[in-house]
């Protein structure tokens, strides 16, 4: 029961911090950076999908 209370309190704090404009900018920057890294890794090469018909 105590674990659930702590988890809900932590979730509430994360949501409060995510609402702040400066933190929203950091989140958007992080997401953009992760998207660039995924493109550089060459995701979606098609391996494992079987023959192309």
C-alpha atoms as a PDB file:
ATOM      1  CA  UNK A   1       0.000   0.000   0.000  1.00  0.00           C
ATOM      2  CA  UNK A   2       2.841   2.379   0.850  1.00  0.00           C
ATOM      3  CA  UNK A   3       4.500   1.553  -2.464  1.00  0.00           C
ATOM      4  CA  UNK A   4       1.343   2.617  -4.359  1.00  0.00           C
ATOM      5  CA  UNK A   5       1.182   5.901  -2.452  1.00  0.00           C
ATOM      6  CA  UNK A   6       4.826   6.656  -3.237  1.00  0.00           C
ATOM      7  CA  UNK A   7       4.374   5.744  -6.906  1.00  0.00           C
ATOM      8  CA  UNK A   8       1.332   7.976  -7.285  1.00  0.00           C
ATOM      9  CA  UNK A   9       3.127  10.848  -5.556  1.00  0.00           C
ATOM     10  CA  UNK A  10       6.108  10.456  -7.856  1.00  0.00           C
ATOM     11  CA  UNK A  11       3.843  10.355 -10.918  1.00  0.00           C
ATOM     12  CA  UNK A  12       2.100  13.550  -9.789  1.00  0.00           C
ATOM     13  CA  UNK A  13       5.469  15.299  -9.385  1.00  0.00           C
ATOM     14  CA  UNK A  14       6.608  14.200 -12.865  1.00  0.00           C
ATOM     15  CA  UNK A  15       3.395  15.533 -14.406  1.00  0.00           C
ATOM     16  CA  UNK A  16       3.779  18.861 -12.591  1.00  0.00           C
ATOM     17  CA  UNK A  17       7.347  19.242 -13.835  1.00  0.00           C
ATOM     18  CA  UNK A  18       6.399  18.282 -17.400  1.00  0.00           C
ATOM     19  CA  UNK A  19       3.857  21.124 -17.508  1.00  0.00           C
ATOM     20  CA  UNK A  20       6.513  23.802 -17.036  1.00  0.00           C
ATOM     21  CA  UNK A  21       7.467  25.552 -20.308  1.00  0.00           C
ATOM     22  CA  UNK A  22      11.215  25.222 -19.816  1.00  0.00           C
ATOM     23  CA  UNK A  23      10.865  21.497 -19.209  1.00  0.00           C
ATOM     24  CA  UNK A  24       8.598  21.121 -22.259  1.00  0.00           C
ATOM     25  CA  UNK A  25      11.369  22.627 -24.374  1.00  0.00           C
ATOM     26  CA  UNK A  26      13.878  20.149 -22.932  1.00  0.00           C
ATOM     27  CA  UNK A  27      11.513  17.244 -23.602  1.00  0.00           C
ATOM     28  CA  UNK A  28      10.980  18.328 -27.229  1.00  0.00           C
ATOM     29  CA  UNK A  29      14.735  18.672 -27.716  1.00  0.00           C
ATOM     30  CA  UNK A  30      15.327  15.202 -26.255  1.00  0.00           C
ATOM     31  CA  UNK A  31      12.668  13.637 -28.499  1.00  0.00           C
ATOM     32  CA  UNK A  32      14.147  15.326 -31.576  1.00  0.00           C
ATOM     33  CA  UNK A  33      17.625  14.095 -30.651  1.00  0.00           C
ATOM     34  CA  UNK A  34      16.374  10.533 -30.189  1.00  0.00           C
ATOM     35  CA  UNK A  35      14.637  10.668 -33.574  1.00  0.00           C
ATOM     36  CA  UNK A  36      17.872  11.731 -35.251  1.00  0.00           C
ATOM     37  CA  UNK A  37      19.780   8.888 -33.585  1.00  0.00           C
ATOM     38  CA  UNK A  38      17.213   6.348 -34.778  1.00  0.00           C
ATOM     39  CA  UNK A  39      17.558   7.615 -38.353  1.00  0.00           C
ATOM     40  CA  UNK A  40      21.363   7.401 -38.160  1.00  0.00           C
ATOM     41  CA  UNK A  41      21.176   3.802 -36.927  1.00  0.00           C
ATOM     42  CA  UNK A  42      19.461   2.842 -40.166  1.00  0.00           C
ATOM     43  CA  UNK A  43      16.259   1.471 -38.756  1.00  0.00           C
ATOM     44  CA  UNK A  44      13.824  -0.062 -41.203  1.00  0.00           C
ATOM     45  CA  UNK A  45      16.287  -1.839 -43.483  1.00  0.00           C
ATOM     46  CA  UNK A  46      13.782  -4.588 -44.097  1.00  0.00           C
ATOM     47  CA  UNK A  47      15.677  -7.529 -42.606  1.00  0.00           C
ATOM     48  CA  UNK A  48      13.444 -10.244 -41.260  1.00  0.00           C
ATOM     49  CA  UNK A  49      10.386  -9.333 -43.287  1.00  0.00           C
ATOM     50  CA  UNK A  50      10.741 -12.092 -45.862  1.00  0.00           C
ATOM     51  CA  UNK A  51      10.964 -11.751 -49.630  1.00  0.00           C
ATOM     52  CA  UNK A  52       9.546  -8.675 -51.282  1.00  0.00           C
ATOM     53  CA  UNK A  53       6.812  -9.539 -53.769  1.00  0.00           C
END
